[in-house]
Amino acid sequence: MEHIAKYLDEVSQLIANLPQADIQAVIKVLLEAYRQGRTVFIMGNGGSASTASHFACDLGKGTSQPGRPRFRVISLADNIPLMTAWANDSAYRDIFAEQLINLVRSGDVVIGISGSGNSRNITKALKRAREAGAITVGFCGFDGGRLKDLVDYCIHVKSSCIQQVEDAHLVLQHLICVTLQEELSRL
């Protein structure tokens, strides 16, 4: 029971200390993308791939308002045949960057989720996104890794426990989508 209380206390502290100004900046970027009809691309590996899919679902459906345009959003972690084709024929580090080559346009938003901030396929895709003129956003943990210096906007969860970083990233995506839903209901 002691471990349960300790884990919950640590996650509570992480969430209480999330950088609110950075979260607000990301919400503004997403609102502007919505207003301009830009596409939002989200990617991650493992648990972060699950968060990317969940984020795309909540952004695409959860923020929808009757009679209004919807977010244009794609999780790059969801096309398993395309991901495995690139991993097999090229390299795993190419699975997201190669998808972006076909899809991303200047002004789109590309969100990379990486607990360590050092996932090579995420950092390569973020570099590709910047070359295309996209706005880049990162969710990271640990010390921020390479990701924190590659993105225009970063939300850094300062923990070295991957499970707690992933917990916080899921809370972040929910918080962002709930806030966007409220903002869009007032337009």
C-alpha atoms as a PDB file:
ATOM      1  CA  MET A   1       0.000   0.000   0.000  1.00  0.00           C
ATOM      2  CA  GLU A   2       2.910   2.345   0.667  1.00  0.00           C
ATOM      3  CA  HIS A   3       4.018   2.056  -2.967  1.00  0.00           C
ATOM      4  CA  ILE A   4       0.536   2.967  -4.202  1.00  0.00           C
ATOM      5  CA  ALA A   5       0.402   6.143  -2.130  1.00  0.00           C
ATOM      6  CA  LYS A   6       3.967   7.081  -3.149  1.00  0.00           C
ATOM      7  CA  TYR A   7       3.218   6.648  -6.876  1.00  0.00           C
ATOM      8  CA  LEU A   8      -0.006   8.641  -6.681  1.00  0.00           C
ATOM      9  CA  ASP A   9       1.705  11.419  -4.706  1.00  0.00           C
ATOM     10  CA  GLU A  10       4.518  11.623  -7.281  1.00  0.00           C
ATOM     11  CA  VAL A  11       2.085  11.793 -10.221  1.00  0.00           C
ATOM     12  CA  SER A  12       0.029  14.419  -8.394  1.00  0.00           C
ATOM     13  CA  GLN A  13       3.159  16.533  -7.903  1.00  0.00           C
ATOM     14  CA  LEU A  14       4.141  16.170 -11.564  1.00  0.00           C
ATOM     15  CA  ILE A  15       0.719  17.294 -12.714  1.00  0.00           C
ATOM     16  CA  ALA A  16       0.642  20.190 -10.248  1.00  0.00           C
ATOM     17  CA  ASN A  17       3.997  21.381 -11.611  1.00  0.00           C
ATOM     18  CA  LEU A  18       3.204  21.177 -15.328  1.00  0.00           C
ATOM     19  CA  PRO A  19       4.311  24.354 -17.119  1.00  0.00           C
ATOM     20  CA  GLN A  20       1.005  26.184 -17.578  1.00  0.00           C
ATOM     21  CA  ALA A  21       2.431  28.917 -19.825  1.00  0.00           C
ATOM     22  CA  ASP A  22       3.792  26.252 -22.203  1.00  0.00           C
ATOM     23  CA  ILE A  23       0.454  24.433 -22.199  1.00  0.00           C
ATOM     24  CA  GLN A  24      -1.357  27.682 -22.999  1.00  0.00           C
ATOM     25  CA  ALA A  25       1.087  28.362 -25.868  1.00  0.00           C
ATOM     26  CA  VAL A  26       0.343  24.937 -27.387  1.00  0.00           C
ATOM     27  CA  ILE A  27      -3.399  25.526 -27.060  1.00  0.00           C
ATOM     28  CA  LYS A  28      -2.999  28.834 -28.929  1.00  0.00           C
ATOM     29  CA  VAL A  29      -1.023  27.106 -31.694  1.00  0.00           C
ATOM     30  CA  LEU A  30      -3.741  24.479 -32.069  1.00  0.00           C
ATOM     31  CA  LEU A  31      -6.522  27.089 -32.090  1.00  0.00           C
ATOM     32  CA  GLU A  32      -4.718  28.978 -34.848  1.00  0.00           C
ATOM     33  CA  ALA A  33      -4.266  25.760 -36.828  1.00  0.00           C
ATOM     34  CA  TYR A  34      -7.996  25.112 -36.477  1.00  0.00           C
ATOM     35  CA  ARG A  35      -8.882  28.623 -37.652  1.00  0.00           C
ATOM     36  CA  GLN A  36      -6.602  28.289 -40.677  1.00  0.00           C
ATOM     37  CA  GLY A  37      -7.731  24.761 -41.587  1.00  0.00           C
ATOM     38  CA  ARG A  38      -4.234  23.364 -41.039  1.00  0.00           C
ATOM     39  CA  THR A  39      -3.523  19.704 -40.376  1.00  0.00           C
ATOM     40  CA  VAL A  40      -2.206  18.463 -37.036  1.00  0.00           C
ATOM     41  CA  PHE A  41       0.063  15.400 -37.140  1.00  0.00           C
ATOM     42  CA  ILE A  42       0.829  13.491 -33.930  1.00  0.00           C
ATOM     43  CA  MET A  43       3.385  10.713 -33.388  1.00  0.00           C
ATOM     44  CA  GLY A  44       4.985   8.612 -30.681  1.00  0.00           C
ATOM     45  CA  ASN A  45       6.400   5.146 -29.950  1.00  0.00           C
ATOM     46  CA  GLY A  46       5.077   2.491 -27.560  1.00  0.00           C
ATOM     47  CA  GLY A  47       2.946   4.113 -24.854  1.00  0.00           C
ATOM     48  CA  SER A  48       3.478   7.452 -26.582  1.00  0.00           C
ATOM     49  CA  ALA A  49       2.032   5.958 -29.797  1.00  0.00           C
ATOM     50  CA  SER A  50      -1.055   5.116 -27.789  1.00  0.00           C
ATOM     51  CA  THR A  51      -1.182   8.691 -26.496  1.00  0.00           C
ATOM     52  CA  ALA A  52      -0.741   9.998 -30.058  1.00  0.00           C
ATOM     53  CA  SER A  53      -3.724   7.916 -31.223  1.00  0.00           C
ATOM     54  CA  HIS A  54      -5.791   8.979 -28.238  1.00  0.00           C
ATOM     55  CA  PHE A  55      -4.862  12.650 -28.795  1.00  0.00           C
ATOM     56  CA  ALA A  56      -5.864  12.435 -32.478  1.00  0.00           C
ATOM     57  CA  CYS A  57      -9.196  10.850 -31.502  1.00  0.00           C
ATOM     58  CA  ASP A  58      -9.968  13.445 -28.851  1.00  0.00           C
ATOM     59  CA  LEU A  59      -8.851  16.336 -31.049  1.00  0.00           C
ATOM     60  CA  GLY A  60     -10.814  15.089 -34.053  1.00  0.00           C
ATOM     61  CA  LYS A  61     -14.024  14.040 -32.340  1.00  0.00           C
ATOM     62  CA  GLY A  62     -13.954  15.368 -28.792  1.00  0.00           C
ATOM     63  CA  THR A  63     -13.579  18.996 -29.837  1.00  0.00           C
ATOM     64  CA  SER A  64     -16.199  18.887 -32.611  1.00  0.00           C
ATOM     65  CA  GLN A  65     -19.060  21.354 -32.466  1.00  0.00           C
ATOM     66  CA  PRO A  66     -22.332  20.927 -34.421  1.00  0.00           C
ATOM     67  CA  GLY A  67     -22.332  22.815 -37.706  1.00  0.00           C
ATOM     68  CA  ARG A  68     -18.676  23.874 -37.442  1.00  0.00           C
ATOM     69  CA  PRO A  69     -15.509  22.690 -39.161  1.00  0.00           C
ATOM     70  CA  ARG A  70     -13.513  20.059 -37.337  1.00  0.00           C
ATOM     71  CA  PHE A  71      -9.846  19.664 -36.587  1.00  0.00           C
ATOM     72  CA  ARG A  72      -7.859  18.102 -39.394  1.00  0.00           C
ATOM     73  CA  VAL A  73      -5.781  15.600 -37.432  1.00  0.00           C
ATOM     74  CA  ILE A  74      -3.786  12.455 -38.210  1.00  0.00           C
ATOM     75  CA  SER A  75      -1.905  10.125 -35.880  1.00  0.00           C
ATOM     76  CA  LEU A  76       1.178   8.977 -37.773  1.00  0.00           C
ATOM     77  CA  ALA A  77       1.341   5.997 -35.393  1.00  0.00           C
ATOM     78  CA  ASP A  78      -1.874   4.478 -36.763  1.00  0.00           C
ATOM     79  CA  ASN A  79      -0.932   3.330 -40.278  1.00  0.00           C
ATOM     80  CA  ILE A  80       0.751   0.036 -39.351  1.00  0.00           C
ATOM     81  CA  PRO A  81       1.229  -1.219 -42.945  1.00  0.00           C
ATOM     82  CA  LEU A  82       2.964   2.008 -43.987  1.00  0.00           C
ATOM     83  CA  MET A  83       5.080   2.142 -40.813  1.00  0.00           C
ATOM     84  CA  THR A  84       6.256  -1.437 -41.243  1.00  0.00           C
ATOM     85  CA  ALA A  85       6.953  -0.923 -44.954  1.00  0.00           C
ATOM     86  CA  TRP A  86       9.269   2.012 -44.162  1.00  0.00           C
ATOM     87  CA  ALA A  87      10.851   0.156 -41.241  1.00  0.00           C
ATOM     88  CA  ASN A  88      11.484  -2.924 -43.378  1.00  0.00           C
ATOM     89  CA  ASP A  89      12.583  -1.249 -46.616  1.00  0.00           C
ATOM     90  CA  SER A  90      14.453   1.719 -45.149  1.00  0.00           C
ATOM     91  CA  ALA A  91      14.871   2.003 -41.367  1.00  0.00           C
ATOM     92  CA  TYR A  92      12.710   2.323 -38.289  1.00  0.00           C
ATOM     93  CA  ARG A  93      13.992   5.890 -37.825  1.00  0.00           C
ATOM     94  CA  ASP A  94      12.186   6.798 -41.094  1.00  0.00           C
ATOM     95  CA  ILE A  95       8.645   5.650 -40.237  1.00  0.00           C
ATOM     96  CA  PHE A  96       7.303   9.109 -39.382  1.00  0.00           C
ATOM     97  CA  ALA A  97       9.522  11.384 -41.484  1.00  0.00           C
ATOM     98  CA  GLU A  98       8.662   9.497 -44.670  1.00  0.00           C
ATOM     99  CA  GLN A  99       4.924   9.792 -43.945  1.00  0.00           C
ATOM    100  CA  LEU A 100       5.333  13.539 -43.451  1.00  0.00           C
ATOM    101  CA  ILE A 101       7.052  13.954 -46.814  1.00  0.00           C
ATOM    102  CA  ASN A 102       3.768  12.933 -48.469  1.00  0.00           C
ATOM    103  CA  LEU A 103       1.500  14.994 -46.223  1.00  0.00           C
ATOM    104  CA  VAL A 104       2.923  17.963 -44.314  1.00  0.00           C
ATOM    105  CA  ARG A 105       2.578  21.517 -45.564  1.00  0.00           C
ATOM    106  CA  SER A 106       3.882  24.839 -44.359  1.00  0.00           C
ATOM    107  CA  GLY A 107       1.807  26.046 -41.418  1.00  0.00           C
ATOM    108  CA  ASP A 108       0.678  22.574 -40.340  1.00  0.00           C
ATOM    109  CA  VAL A 109       1.394  21.470 -36.763  1.00  0.00           C
ATOM    110  CA  VAL A 110       3.501  18.395 -35.994  1.00  0.00           C
ATOM    111  CA  ILE A 111       3.454  17.040 -32.432  1.00  0.00           C
ATOM    112  CA  GLY A 112       6.118  14.564 -31.310  1.00  0.00           C
ATOM    113  CA  ILE A 113       5.655  12.665 -28.055  1.00  0.00           C
ATOM    114  CA  SER A 114       8.774  11.046 -26.586  1.00  0.00           C
ATOM    115  CA  GLY A 115       9.325  10.156 -22.950  1.00  0.00           C
ATOM    116  CA  SER A 116      13.094  10.418 -23.260  1.00  0.00           C
ATOM    117  CA  GLY A 117      13.079  13.104 -25.921  1.00  0.00           C
ATOM    118  CA  ASN A 118      15.637  11.048 -27.829  1.00  0.00           C
ATOM    119  CA  SER A 119      13.560   8.784 -30.070  1.00  0.00           C
ATOM    120  CA  ARG A 120      15.384   8.953 -33.407  1.00  0.00           C
ATOM    121  CA  ASN A 121      12.252   8.490 -35.504  1.00  0.00           C
ATOM    122  CA  ILE A 122      10.557  11.366 -33.658  1.00  0.00           C
ATOM    123  CA  THR A 123      13.514  13.750 -33.878  1.00  0.00           C
ATOM    124  CA  LYS A 124      14.046  12.945 -37.570  1.00  0.00           C
ATOM    125  CA  ALA A 125      10.382  13.624 -38.327  1.00  0.00           C
ATOM    126  CA  LEU A 126      10.452  16.899 -36.388  1.00  0.00           C
ATOM    127  CA  LYS A 127      13.465  18.015 -38.434  1.00  0.00           C
ATOM    128  CA  ARG A 128      11.567  17.124 -41.621  1.00  0.00           C
ATOM    129  CA  ALA A 129       8.521  19.037 -40.392  1.00  0.00           C
ATOM    130  CA  ARG A 130      10.593  22.151 -39.736  1.00  0.00           C
ATOM    131  CA  GLU A 131      12.157  21.915 -43.203  1.00  0.00           C
ATOM    132  CA  ALA A 132       8.617  21.918 -44.629  1.00  0.00           C
ATOM    133  CA  GLY A 133       7.673  25.020 -42.625  1.00  0.00           C
ATOM    134  CA  ALA A 134       5.474  23.246 -40.083  1.00  0.00           C
ATOM    135  CA  ILE A 135       5.083  24.407 -36.499  1.00  0.00           C
ATOM    136  CA  THR A 136       6.603  21.803 -34.184  1.00  0.00           C
ATOM    137  CA  VAL A 137       5.486  20.813 -30.701  1.00  0.00           C
ATOM    138  CA  GLY A 138       7.095  18.320 -28.346  1.00  0.00           C
ATOM    139  CA  PHE A 139       5.947  16.485 -25.247  1.00  0.00           C
ATOM    140  CA  CYS A 140       8.958  15.023 -23.424  1.00  0.00           C
ATOM    141  CA  GLY A 141      10.225  13.880 -20.054  1.00  0.00           C
ATOM    142  CA  PHE A 142      13.555  13.066 -18.394  1.00  0.00           C
ATOM    143  CA  ASP A 143      15.981  15.899 -19.292  1.00  0.00           C
ATOM    144  CA  GLY A 144      14.063  16.721 -22.491  1.00  0.00           C
ATOM    145  CA  GLY A 145      16.585  15.001 -24.731  1.00  0.00           C
ATOM    146  CA  ARG A 146      17.244  16.268 -28.240  1.00  0.00           C
ATOM    147  CA  LEU A 147      13.539  16.907 -28.783  1.00  0.00           C
ATOM    148  CA  LYS A 148      13.381  19.974 -26.530  1.00  0.00           C
ATOM    149  CA  ASP A 149      15.821  21.849 -28.788  1.00  0.00           C
ATOM    150  CA  LEU A 150      14.140  20.778 -32.056  1.00  0.00           C
ATOM    151  CA  VAL A 151      10.670  22.142 -31.466  1.00  0.00           C
ATOM    152  CA  ASP A 152       9.022  25.537 -31.496  1.00  0.00           C
ATOM    153  CA  TYR A 153       6.964  24.679 -28.404  1.00  0.00           C
ATOM    154  CA  CYS A 154       7.835  22.144 -25.732  1.00  0.00           C
ATOM    155  CA  ILE A 155       5.965  20.762 -22.755  1.00  0.00           C
ATOM    156  CA  HIS A 156       8.570  19.117 -20.557  1.00  0.00           C
ATOM    157  CA  VAL A 157       7.472  16.745 -17.795  1.00  0.00           C
ATOM    158  CA  LYS A 158      10.417  16.746 -15.412  1.00  0.00           C
ATOM    159  CA  SER A 159      10.572  13.133 -14.291  1.00  0.00           C
ATOM    160  CA  SER A 160      12.826  10.177 -15.030  1.00  0.00           C
ATOM    161  CA  CYS A 161      10.056   7.630 -14.434  1.00  0.00           C
ATOM    162  CA  ILE A 162       8.727   6.717 -17.892  1.00  0.00           C
ATOM    163  CA  GLN A 163       5.372   5.551 -16.527  1.00  0.00           C
ATOM    164  CA  GLN A 164       4.773   8.858 -14.753  1.00  0.00           C
ATOM    165  CA  VAL A 165       5.920  10.829 -17.805  1.00  0.00           C
ATOM    166  CA  GLU A 166       3.392   8.897 -19.912  1.00  0.00           C
ATOM    167  CA  ASP A 167       0.698   9.491 -17.271  1.00  0.00           C
ATOM    168  CA  ALA A 168       1.372  13.227 -17.423  1.00  0.00           C
ATOM    169  CA  HIS A 169       1.364  13.244 -21.252  1.00  0.00           C
ATOM    170  CA  LEU A 170      -2.064  11.638 -21.254  1.00  0.00           C
ATOM    171  CA  VAL A 171      -3.333  14.203 -18.751  1.00  0.00           C
ATOM    172  CA  LEU A 172      -1.861  16.941 -20.966  1.00  0.00           C
ATOM    173  CA  GLN A 173      -3.639  15.763 -24.090  1.00  0.00           C
ATOM    174  CA  HIS A 174      -6.933  15.543 -22.190  1.00  0.00           C
ATOM    175  CA  LEU A 175      -6.415  18.991 -20.670  1.00  0.00           C
ATOM    176  CA  ILE A 176      -5.598  20.481 -24.085  1.00  0.00           C
ATOM    177  CA  CYS A 177      -8.610  18.890 -25.778  1.00  0.00           C
ATOM    178  CA  VAL A 178     -11.061  19.848 -23.020  1.00  0.00           C
ATOM    179  CA  THR A 179      -9.772  23.430 -23.132  1.00  0.00           C
ATOM    180  CA  LEU A 180     -10.040  23.504 -26.930  1.00  0.00           C
ATOM    181  CA  GLN A 181     -13.565  22.125 -26.779  1.00  0.00           C
ATOM    182  CA  GLU A 182     -14.532  24.968 -24.442  1.00  0.00           C
ATOM    183  CA  GLU A 183     -12.777  27.583 -26.589  1.00  0.00           C
ATOM    184  CA  LEU A 184     -14.433  26.310 -29.786  1.00  0.00           C
ATOM    185  CA  SER A 185     -17.881  26.322 -28.168  1.00  0.00           C
ATOM    186  CA  ARG A 186     -17.501  30.096 -27.741  1.00  0.00           C
ATOM    187  CA  LEU A 187     -16.625  30.838 -31.376  1.00  0.00           C
END
